[in-house]
């Protein structure tokens, strides 16, 4: 009975936060590849897929599929945002513009790539702290364990769903369609 009341309280708090738009991706500062501080405010009103990327991972080929999603749905208000990370050692040895050049030359990437972020628990980037805790109940809180974890964000900046690295971009199309 106490557990059920706790769930109701969590649901009410979450619902009120959504109504008040107090918790969304737009308030977090991120770095560009040129190491300039910015926010995700330019993506307000768009459906967004946030992905932690690397250039040396078994899932790196997903960049091609992510680019296909971006090109297919961009005219309808969709964007993919790449956040390179080296939290799995040696999987992102590139820096700044090298990352952008690699993604463009090898996989044709034109979607926005931001500066490297830290996903280690002690230094977890605030945006990813929000993403990790914004989906599901508290018992589902999980750290980012691998590259190419994906978060689908609605037009109000709220996390709708988290996808494991093994979920391909093509498998996300139905969820994107529902939000567009």
N, C-alpha and C. Protein backbone atom coordinates (compact mmCIF):
# COMPACT_ATOMS: atom_id res chain seq x y z
N UNK A 1 0.82 -1.20 0.00
CA UNK A 1 0.00 0.00 0.00
C UNK A 1 0.86 1.26 0.00
N UNK A 2 1.92 1.28 0.83
CA UNK A 2 2.82 2.43 0.87
C UNK A 2 3.51 2.59 -0.48
N UNK A 3 3.91 1.47 -1.08
CA UNK A 3 4.58 1.52 -2.37
C UNK A 3 3.65 2.13 -3.44
N UNK A 4 2.38 1.78 -3.40
CA UNK A 4 1.42 2.32 -4.37
C UNK A 4 1.26 3.83 -4.17
N UNK A 5 1.20 4.30 -2.93
CA UNK A 5 1.10 5.73 -2.67
C UNK A 5 2.34 6.45 -3.16
N UNK A 6 3.50 5.84 -3.00
CA UNK A 6 4.74 6.42 -3.47
C UNK A 6 4.69 6.60 -4.97
N UNK A 7 4.18 5.58 -5.67
CA UNK A 7 4.07 5.65 -7.12
C UNK A 7 3.14 6.77 -7.55
N UNK A 8 2.05 6.93 -6.86
CA UNK A 8 1.10 7.99 -7.18
C UNK A 8 1.77 9.34 -6.99
N UNK A 9 2.52 9.50 -5.92
CA UNK A 9 3.23 10.76 -5.66
C UNK A 9 4.25 11.05 -6.76
N UNK A 10 5.00 10.04 -7.17
CA UNK A 10 5.98 10.21 -8.25
C UNK A 10 5.27 10.61 -9.53
N UNK A 11 4.17 9.97 -9.84
CA UNK A 11 3.42 10.29 -11.06
C UNK A 11 2.93 11.72 -11.03
N UNK A 12 2.38 12.15 -9.91
CA UNK A 12 1.86 13.52 -9.79
C UNK A 12 2.98 14.54 -9.95
N UNK A 13 4.10 14.31 -9.30
CA UNK A 13 5.24 15.24 -9.41
C UNK A 13 5.73 15.30 -10.85
N UNK A 14 5.84 14.16 -11.49
CA UNK A 14 6.29 14.12 -12.89
C UNK A 14 5.31 14.86 -13.77
N UNK A 15 4.03 14.63 -13.58
CA UNK A 15 3.00 15.28 -14.38
C UNK A 15 3.05 16.80 -14.21
N UNK A 16 3.19 17.27 -12.98
CA UNK A 16 3.26 18.71 -12.72
C UNK A 16 4.51 19.31 -13.35
N UNK A 17 5.63 18.61 -13.27
CA UNK A 17 6.87 19.10 -13.89
C UNK A 17 6.69 19.24 -15.40
N UNK A 18 6.01 18.29 -16.00
CA UNK A 18 5.75 18.37 -17.45
C UNK A 18 4.85 19.56 -17.77
N UNK A 19 3.82 19.75 -16.97
CA UNK A 19 2.91 20.87 -17.20
C UNK A 19 3.62 22.21 -17.07
N UNK A 20 4.48 22.31 -16.10
CA UNK A 20 5.17 23.57 -15.85
C UNK A 20 6.41 23.74 -16.73
N UNK A 21 6.77 22.70 -17.47
CA UNK A 21 7.94 22.72 -18.35
C UNK A 21 9.20 23.11 -17.58
N UNK A 22 9.28 22.69 -16.32
CA UNK A 22 10.43 23.04 -15.50
C UNK A 22 11.62 22.14 -15.76
N UNK A 23 11.39 21.04 -16.37
CA UNK A 23 12.49 20.12 -16.59
C UNK A 23 12.49 19.71 -18.06
N UNK A 24 13.45 20.26 -18.77
CA UNK A 24 13.57 19.94 -20.19
C UNK A 24 15.03 20.06 -20.59
N UNK A 25 15.32 19.65 -21.80
CA UNK A 25 16.71 19.68 -22.27
C UNK A 25 17.20 21.10 -22.54
N UNK A 26 16.32 22.06 -22.70
CA UNK A 26 16.71 23.39 -23.14
C UNK A 26 17.53 24.18 -22.13
N UNK A 27 17.45 23.86 -20.89
CA UNK A 27 18.14 24.66 -19.86
C UNK A 27 19.59 24.26 -19.66
N UNK A 28 20.04 23.17 -20.29
CA UNK A 28 21.40 22.68 -20.05
C UNK A 28 22.40 23.31 -21.01
N UNK A 29 23.54 23.69 -20.46
CA UNK A 29 24.62 24.22 -21.27
C UNK A 29 25.47 23.07 -21.80
N UNK A 30 25.86 23.18 -23.05
CA UNK A 30 26.73 22.20 -23.69
C UNK A 30 27.82 22.96 -24.44
N UNK A 31 28.83 22.26 -24.85
CA UNK A 31 29.93 22.86 -25.61
C UNK A 31 29.81 22.47 -27.08
N UNK A 32 30.21 23.39 -27.93
CA UNK A 32 30.30 23.09 -29.36
C UNK A 32 31.63 22.40 -29.61
N UNK A 33 31.85 21.95 -30.82
CA UNK A 33 33.14 21.36 -31.18
C UNK A 33 34.27 22.38 -31.10
N UNK A 34 33.91 23.66 -31.15
CA UNK A 34 34.90 24.74 -31.02
C UNK A 34 35.06 25.17 -29.57
N UNK A 35 34.50 24.40 -28.65
CA UNK A 35 34.59 24.63 -27.21
C UNK A 35 33.88 25.90 -26.74
N UNK A 36 32.86 26.33 -27.47
CA UNK A 36 32.05 27.47 -27.06
C UNK A 36 30.81 26.95 -26.35
N UNK A 37 30.39 27.67 -25.32
CA UNK A 37 29.21 27.28 -24.55
C UNK A 37 27.94 27.71 -25.28
N UNK A 38 26.98 26.80 -25.31
CA UNK A 38 25.68 27.06 -25.92
C UNK A 38 24.63 26.28 -25.14
N UNK A 39 23.39 26.37 -25.58
CA UNK A 39 22.31 25.57 -24.99
C UNK A 39 21.62 24.82 -26.12
N UNK A 40 20.63 24.04 -25.76
CA UNK A 40 19.84 23.32 -26.76
C UNK A 40 18.56 24.08 -27.11
N UNK A 41 18.49 25.33 -26.72
CA UNK A 41 17.33 26.18 -27.00
C UNK A 41 16.98 26.24 -28.50
N UNK A 42 17.96 26.23 -29.42
CA UNK A 42 17.59 26.25 -30.84
C UNK A 42 16.76 25.04 -31.29
N UNK A 43 16.70 24.01 -30.47
CA UNK A 43 15.94 22.81 -30.83
C UNK A 43 14.56 22.76 -30.20
N UNK A 44 14.20 23.85 -29.51
CA UNK A 44 12.87 23.95 -28.91
C UNK A 44 11.82 23.80 -30.02
N UNK A 45 10.81 22.98 -29.77
CA UNK A 45 9.76 22.77 -30.74
C UNK A 45 10.05 21.65 -31.73
N UNK A 46 11.21 21.04 -31.63
CA UNK A 46 11.57 19.93 -32.52
C UNK A 46 11.56 18.62 -31.76
N UNK A 47 11.36 17.54 -32.48
CA UNK A 47 11.57 16.20 -31.93
C UNK A 47 13.06 15.94 -32.09
N UNK A 48 13.71 15.47 -31.02
CA UNK A 48 15.16 15.33 -31.02
C UNK A 48 15.56 13.93 -30.57
N UNK A 49 16.59 13.41 -31.20
CA UNK A 49 17.21 12.16 -30.77
C UNK A 49 18.63 12.50 -30.33
N UNK A 50 18.91 12.34 -29.04
CA UNK A 50 20.24 12.61 -28.49
C UNK A 50 20.99 11.29 -28.38
N UNK A 51 22.22 11.29 -28.88
CA UNK A 51 23.01 10.06 -28.94
C UNK A 51 24.44 10.34 -28.49
N UNK A 52 24.97 9.50 -27.60
CA UNK A 52 26.39 9.62 -27.26
C UNK A 52 27.18 8.78 -28.28
N UNK A 53 28.07 9.44 -29.00
CA UNK A 53 28.75 8.83 -30.13
C UNK A 53 30.25 8.63 -29.88
N UNK A 54 30.85 7.80 -30.70
CA UNK A 54 32.30 7.62 -30.72
C UNK A 54 32.71 7.26 -32.14
N UNK A 55 33.99 7.37 -32.41
CA UNK A 55 34.49 7.04 -33.74
C UNK A 55 35.11 5.64 -33.80
N UNK A 56 35.34 5.01 -32.66
CA UNK A 56 36.02 3.71 -32.63
C UNK A 56 35.24 2.70 -31.80
N UNK A 57 34.04 2.38 -32.22
CA UNK A 57 33.18 1.48 -31.47
C UNK A 57 32.48 0.55 -32.46
N UNK A 58 32.07 -0.60 -32.00
CA UNK A 58 31.35 -1.52 -32.86
C UNK A 58 30.03 -0.97 -33.35
N UNK A 59 29.50 0.05 -32.66
CA UNK A 59 28.24 0.66 -33.06
C UNK A 59 28.43 1.92 -33.90
N UNK A 60 29.66 2.31 -34.18
CA UNK A 60 29.91 3.55 -34.91
C UNK A 60 29.20 3.59 -36.25
N UNK A 61 29.02 2.45 -36.88
CA UNK A 61 28.33 2.43 -38.19
C UNK A 61 26.89 2.92 -38.07
N UNK A 62 26.36 3.02 -36.84
CA UNK A 62 25.02 3.58 -36.67
C UNK A 62 24.95 5.05 -37.08
N UNK A 63 26.10 5.71 -37.19
CA UNK A 63 26.11 7.09 -37.65
C UNK A 63 25.42 7.22 -39.00
N UNK A 64 25.61 6.23 -39.85
CA UNK A 64 24.97 6.25 -41.17
C UNK A 64 23.45 6.21 -41.04
N UNK A 65 22.94 5.33 -40.21
CA UNK A 65 21.49 5.23 -39.99
C UNK A 65 20.93 6.47 -39.31
N UNK A 66 21.69 7.05 -38.38
CA UNK A 66 21.25 8.28 -37.73
C UNK A 66 21.15 9.42 -38.74
N UNK A 67 22.11 9.48 -39.66
CA UNK A 67 22.07 10.49 -40.71
C UNK A 67 20.85 10.29 -41.61
N UNK A 68 20.50 9.05 -41.91
CA UNK A 68 19.31 8.78 -42.73
C UNK A 68 18.05 9.28 -42.03
N UNK A 69 17.94 9.02 -40.72
CA UNK A 69 16.79 9.53 -39.96
C UNK A 69 16.75 11.06 -40.02
N UNK A 70 17.89 11.67 -39.82
CA UNK A 70 17.99 13.13 -39.82
C UNK A 70 17.51 13.70 -41.15
N UNK A 71 18.00 13.14 -42.24
CA UNK A 71 17.62 13.65 -43.56
C UNK A 71 16.14 13.39 -43.88
N UNK A 72 15.64 12.24 -43.45
CA UNK A 72 14.26 11.88 -43.74
C UNK A 72 13.27 12.77 -42.98
N UNK A 73 13.54 13.02 -41.71
CA UNK A 73 12.57 13.70 -40.86
C UNK A 73 12.89 15.18 -40.57
N UNK A 74 14.04 15.65 -40.96
CA UNK A 74 14.40 17.05 -40.70
C UNK A 74 13.35 18.03 -41.23
N UNK A 75 12.84 17.84 -42.43
CA UNK A 75 11.83 18.78 -42.93
C UNK A 75 10.56 18.84 -42.07
N UNK A 76 10.35 17.82 -41.25
CA UNK A 76 9.15 17.77 -40.40
C UNK A 76 9.43 18.22 -38.96
N UNK A 77 10.64 18.75 -38.71
CA UNK A 77 10.95 19.25 -37.38
C UNK A 77 11.66 18.26 -36.49
N UNK A 78 12.58 17.50 -37.04
CA UNK A 78 13.33 16.48 -36.29
C UNK A 78 14.82 16.77 -36.39
N UNK A 79 15.55 16.46 -35.33
CA UNK A 79 17.00 16.58 -35.37
C UNK A 79 17.64 15.47 -34.56
N UNK A 80 18.82 15.08 -35.00
CA UNK A 80 19.69 14.18 -34.25
C UNK A 80 20.80 15.05 -33.69
N UNK A 81 21.14 14.86 -32.42
CA UNK A 81 22.22 15.59 -31.79
C UNK A 81 23.25 14.59 -31.28
N UNK A 82 24.47 14.68 -31.81
CA UNK A 82 25.53 13.77 -31.40
C UNK A 82 26.40 14.39 -30.33
N UNK A 83 26.67 13.61 -29.28
CA UNK A 83 27.53 14.03 -28.19
C UNK A 83 28.67 13.03 -28.04
N UNK A 84 29.83 13.32 -28.64
CA UNK A 84 30.96 12.40 -28.53
C UNK A 84 31.39 12.24 -27.07
N UNK A 85 31.83 11.05 -26.76
CA UNK A 85 32.32 10.77 -25.41
C UNK A 85 33.43 9.74 -25.47
N UNK A 86 34.30 9.82 -24.50
CA UNK A 86 35.39 8.84 -24.39
C UNK A 86 35.27 8.10 -23.06
N UNK A 87 34.04 7.93 -22.57
CA UNK A 87 33.89 7.28 -21.28
C UNK A 87 34.21 5.79 -21.34
N UNK A 88 34.13 5.19 -22.52
CA UNK A 88 34.67 3.85 -22.72
C UNK A 88 36.06 4.11 -23.29
N UNK A 89 37.11 3.86 -22.51
CA UNK A 89 38.46 4.29 -22.88
C UNK A 89 38.87 3.98 -24.32
N UNK A 90 39.47 4.98 -24.94
CA UNK A 90 40.07 4.92 -26.26
C UNK A 90 39.06 4.78 -27.40
N UNK A 91 37.77 4.97 -27.15
CA UNK A 91 36.81 4.82 -28.24
C UNK A 91 36.51 6.15 -28.93
N UNK A 92 36.96 7.25 -28.36
CA UNK A 92 36.88 8.53 -29.05
C UNK A 92 38.18 9.29 -28.86
N UNK A 93 39.19 8.90 -29.64
CA UNK A 93 40.49 9.56 -29.52
C UNK A 93 40.54 10.92 -30.23
N UNK A 94 39.57 11.20 -31.08
CA UNK A 94 39.58 12.44 -31.86
C UNK A 94 39.15 13.63 -31.01
N UNK A 95 39.50 14.82 -31.48
CA UNK A 95 39.15 16.05 -30.77
C UNK A 95 38.49 17.03 -31.73
N UNK A 96 37.61 17.87 -31.22
CA UNK A 96 37.04 18.99 -31.95
C UNK A 96 36.65 18.71 -33.39
N UNK A 97 37.21 19.50 -34.28
CA UNK A 97 36.88 19.40 -35.70
C UNK A 97 37.27 18.05 -36.31
N UNK A 98 38.22 17.34 -35.70
CA UNK A 98 38.57 16.00 -36.19
C UNK A 98 37.36 15.08 -36.12
N UNK A 99 36.58 15.21 -35.06
CA UNK A 99 35.38 14.39 -34.89
C UNK A 99 34.39 14.68 -36.02
N UNK A 100 34.14 15.96 -36.26
CA UNK A 100 33.20 16.35 -37.31
C UNK A 100 33.68 15.85 -38.67
N UNK A 101 34.96 16.02 -38.95
CA UNK A 101 35.51 15.59 -40.24
C UNK A 101 35.38 14.08 -40.41
N UNK A 102 35.69 13.31 -39.37
CA UNK A 102 35.56 11.85 -39.43
C UNK A 102 34.11 11.46 -39.74
N UNK A 103 33.17 12.02 -38.99
CA UNK A 103 31.75 11.68 -39.17
C UNK A 103 31.27 12.03 -40.57
N UNK A 104 31.69 13.17 -41.07
CA UNK A 104 31.27 13.62 -42.41
C UNK A 104 31.89 12.75 -43.50
N UNK A 105 33.20 12.54 -43.43
CA UNK A 105 33.89 11.80 -44.49
C UNK A 105 33.54 10.32 -44.51
N UNK A 106 33.43 9.71 -43.36
CA UNK A 106 33.20 8.26 -43.30
C UNK A 106 31.72 7.88 -43.40
N UNK A 107 30.83 8.71 -42.81
CA UNK A 107 29.41 8.35 -42.74
C UNK A 107 28.46 9.40 -43.31
N UNK A 108 28.99 10.48 -43.87
CA UNK A 108 28.14 11.51 -44.48
C UNK A 108 27.33 12.32 -43.49
N UNK A 109 27.76 12.36 -42.24
CA UNK A 109 26.99 13.03 -41.18
C UNK A 109 26.91 14.53 -41.40
N UNK A 110 25.69 15.05 -41.38
CA UNK A 110 25.45 16.49 -41.43
C UNK A 110 24.68 16.97 -40.19
N UNK A 111 24.19 16.03 -39.37
CA UNK A 111 23.47 16.46 -38.17
C UNK A 111 24.46 17.07 -37.17
N UNK A 112 23.97 17.89 -36.24
CA UNK A 112 24.86 18.58 -35.30
C UNK A 112 25.63 17.62 -34.39
N UNK A 113 26.92 17.87 -34.30
CA UNK A 113 27.80 17.15 -33.37
C UNK A 113 28.33 18.20 -32.39
N UNK A 114 28.21 17.92 -31.12
CA UNK A 114 28.65 18.84 -30.08
C UNK A 114 30.02 18.43 -29.56
N UNK A 115 30.54 19.21 -28.62
CA UNK A 115 31.83 18.91 -28.01
C UNK A 115 31.72 17.67 -27.13
N UNK A 116 32.87 17.07 -26.86
CA UNK A 116 32.92 15.87 -26.03
C UNK A 116 32.31 16.14 -24.67
N UNK A 117 31.60 15.14 -24.17
CA UNK A 117 31.03 15.22 -22.83
C UNK A 117 31.56 14.07 -21.99
N UNK A 118 31.48 14.24 -20.69
CA UNK A 118 31.94 13.22 -19.75
C UNK A 118 30.73 12.45 -19.24
N UNK A 119 30.79 11.14 -19.31
CA UNK A 119 29.70 10.30 -18.82
C UNK A 119 30.11 9.45 -17.62
N UNK A 120 31.30 9.68 -17.10
CA UNK A 120 31.71 8.96 -15.90
C UNK A 120 30.88 9.44 -14.72
N UNK A 121 30.50 8.53 -13.86
CA UNK A 121 29.56 8.84 -12.77
C UNK A 121 29.99 10.05 -11.95
N UNK A 122 31.27 10.17 -11.65
CA UNK A 122 31.74 11.27 -10.80
C UNK A 122 31.68 12.62 -11.52
N UNK A 123 31.79 12.62 -12.84
CA UNK A 123 31.84 13.86 -13.61
C UNK A 123 30.74 13.90 -14.67
N UNK A 124 29.67 13.22 -14.44
CA UNK A 124 28.58 13.10 -15.40
C UNK A 124 28.06 14.47 -15.82
N UNK A 125 27.99 14.69 -17.12
CA UNK A 125 27.48 15.96 -17.64
C UNK A 125 26.04 16.14 -17.18
N UNK A 126 25.67 17.35 -16.74
CA UNK A 126 24.30 17.59 -16.24
C UNK A 126 23.19 17.21 -17.22
N UNK A 127 23.39 17.42 -18.52
CA UNK A 127 22.37 17.02 -19.49
C UNK A 127 22.13 15.52 -19.40
N UNK A 128 23.19 14.75 -19.32
CA UNK A 128 23.03 13.30 -19.25
C UNK A 128 22.52 12.84 -17.90
N UNK A 129 22.79 13.58 -16.85
CA UNK A 129 22.19 13.27 -15.54
C UNK A 129 20.67 13.39 -15.66
N UNK A 130 20.22 14.46 -16.33
CA UNK A 130 18.79 14.64 -16.56
C UNK A 130 18.24 13.52 -17.44
N UNK A 131 18.90 13.24 -18.55
CA UNK A 131 18.41 12.21 -19.46
C UNK A 131 18.27 10.86 -18.77
N UNK A 132 19.25 10.50 -17.96
CA UNK A 132 19.23 9.20 -17.27
C UNK A 132 18.07 9.07 -16.31
N UNK A 133 17.71 10.15 -15.66
CA UNK A 133 16.68 10.05 -14.62
C UNK A 133 15.29 10.44 -15.12
N UNK A 134 15.19 10.98 -16.32
CA UNK A 134 13.91 11.49 -16.81
C UNK A 134 13.00 10.41 -17.39
N UNK A 135 13.50 9.22 -17.58
CA UNK A 135 12.70 8.16 -18.20
C UNK A 135 12.39 7.09 -17.17
N UNK A 136 11.13 6.72 -17.07
CA UNK A 136 10.74 5.59 -16.23
C UNK A 136 10.79 5.90 -14.75
N UNK A 137 10.62 4.85 -13.99
CA UNK A 137 10.61 5.02 -12.54
C UNK A 137 12.04 5.00 -12.00
N UNK A 138 12.17 5.36 -10.74
CA UNK A 138 13.48 5.47 -10.12
C UNK A 138 14.24 4.15 -10.10
N UNK A 139 13.53 3.02 -10.07
CA UNK A 139 14.21 1.73 -10.05
C UNK A 139 14.87 1.44 -11.39
N UNK A 140 14.49 2.18 -12.44
CA UNK A 140 15.08 1.98 -13.76
C UNK A 140 16.27 2.90 -14.01
N UNK A 141 16.63 3.71 -12.99
CA UNK A 141 17.77 4.60 -13.16
C UNK A 141 19.00 3.76 -13.50
N UNK A 142 19.58 4.08 -14.64
CA UNK A 142 20.78 3.35 -15.07
C UNK A 142 21.76 4.33 -15.66
N UNK A 143 23.02 4.07 -15.41
CA UNK A 143 24.03 4.92 -16.01
C UNK A 143 24.17 4.56 -17.48
N UNK A 144 24.86 5.41 -18.20
CA UNK A 144 25.15 5.15 -19.60
C UNK A 144 26.32 4.18 -19.61
N UNK A 145 26.05 2.96 -20.00
CA UNK A 145 27.08 1.94 -19.93
C UNK A 145 27.85 1.77 -21.22
N UNK A 146 27.31 2.27 -22.32
CA UNK A 146 28.00 2.06 -23.59
C UNK A 146 27.64 3.18 -24.55
N UNK A 147 28.40 3.24 -25.61
CA UNK A 147 28.20 4.24 -26.65
C UNK A 147 26.91 3.97 -27.43
N UNK A 148 26.40 5.01 -28.02
CA UNK A 148 25.20 4.97 -28.86
C UNK A 148 23.93 4.62 -28.10
N UNK A 149 23.88 5.04 -26.83
CA UNK A 149 22.62 5.04 -26.10
C UNK A 149 21.84 6.24 -26.65
N UNK A 150 20.57 6.04 -26.90
CA UNK A 150 19.77 7.06 -27.57
C UNK A 150 18.60 7.50 -26.69
N UNK A 151 18.29 8.80 -26.73
CA UNK A 151 17.17 9.36 -25.99
C UNK A 151 16.28 10.13 -26.96
N UNK A 152 15.01 9.77 -27.01
CA UNK A 152 14.05 10.45 -27.87
C UNK A 152 13.35 11.53 -27.04
N UNK A 153 13.37 12.75 -27.57
CA UNK A 153 12.86 13.92 -26.87
C UNK A 153 11.68 14.49 -27.66
N UNK A 154 10.60 14.85 -26.95
CA UNK A 154 9.45 15.41 -27.65
C UNK A 154 9.64 16.90 -27.94
N UNK A 155 8.66 17.53 -28.56
CA UNK A 155 8.77 18.93 -28.97
C UNK A 155 8.83 19.91 -27.79
N UNK A 156 8.53 19.42 -26.59
CA UNK A 156 8.60 20.26 -25.39
C UNK A 156 9.89 20.05 -24.61
N UNK A 157 10.79 19.24 -25.15
CA UNK A 157 12.08 19.04 -24.49
C UNK A 157 12.09 17.95 -23.43
N UNK A 158 11.05 17.12 -23.40
CA UNK A 158 10.96 16.07 -22.39
C UNK A 158 11.37 14.73 -22.98
N UNK A 159 12.05 13.95 -22.17
CA UNK A 159 12.49 12.62 -22.61
C UNK A 159 11.29 11.69 -22.68
N UNK A 160 11.13 11.06 -23.84
CA UNK A 160 10.03 10.14 -24.06
C UNK A 160 10.49 8.70 -23.91
N UNK A 161 11.68 8.41 -24.42
CA UNK A 161 12.14 7.02 -24.39
C UNK A 161 13.66 6.95 -24.48
N UNK A 162 14.20 5.91 -23.87
CA UNK A 162 15.63 5.61 -23.93
C UNK A 162 15.79 4.30 -24.70
N UNK A 163 16.82 4.26 -25.57
CA UNK A 163 17.08 3.07 -26.37
C UNK A 163 18.49 2.58 -26.09
N UNK A 164 18.63 1.28 -25.97
CA UNK A 164 19.93 0.66 -25.76
C UNK A 164 20.80 0.85 -27.00
N UNK A 165 22.11 0.77 -26.85
CA UNK A 165 23.01 0.91 -27.99
C UNK A 165 22.71 -0.07 -29.12
N UNK A 166 22.22 -1.24 -28.79
CA UNK A 166 21.95 -2.26 -29.81
C UNK A 166 20.73 -1.95 -30.67
N UNK A 167 19.88 -1.02 -30.23
CA UNK A 167 18.71 -0.62 -31.01
C UNK A 167 19.21 0.25 -32.15
N UNK A 168 18.90 -0.16 -33.37
CA UNK A 168 19.37 0.57 -34.54
C UNK A 168 18.48 1.79 -34.80
N UNK A 169 19.03 2.78 -35.50
CA UNK A 169 18.20 3.95 -35.83
C UNK A 169 16.92 3.58 -36.57
N UNK A 170 16.99 2.59 -37.44
CA UNK A 170 15.81 2.17 -38.19
C UNK A 170 14.69 1.67 -37.29
N UNK A 171 15.04 1.10 -36.15
CA UNK A 171 14.05 0.58 -35.22
C UNK A 171 13.31 1.68 -34.45
N UNK A 172 13.77 2.90 -34.57
CA UNK A 172 13.19 4.02 -33.83
C UNK A 172 12.18 4.80 -34.68
N UNK A 173 12.11 4.51 -35.96
CA UNK A 173 11.29 5.32 -36.87
C UNK A 173 9.82 5.42 -36.44
N UNK A 174 9.23 4.34 -35.99
CA UNK A 174 7.80 4.39 -35.60
C UNK A 174 7.59 5.35 -34.44
N UNK A 175 8.50 5.36 -33.47
CA UNK A 175 8.38 6.28 -32.33
C UNK A 175 8.54 7.74 -32.78
N UNK A 176 9.46 7.96 -33.70
CA UNK A 176 9.66 9.32 -34.23
C UNK A 176 8.41 9.78 -34.96
N UNK A 177 7.86 8.89 -35.78
CA UNK A 177 6.64 9.21 -36.54
C UNK A 177 5.50 9.63 -35.60
N UNK A 178 5.36 8.92 -34.48
CA UNK A 178 4.28 9.24 -33.53
C UNK A 178 4.44 10.65 -32.95
N UNK A 179 5.68 11.08 -32.76
CA UNK A 179 5.91 12.41 -32.18
C UNK A 179 5.85 13.54 -33.20
N UNK A 180 6.07 13.21 -34.44
CA UNK A 180 6.01 14.24 -35.48
C UNK A 180 4.56 14.50 -35.85
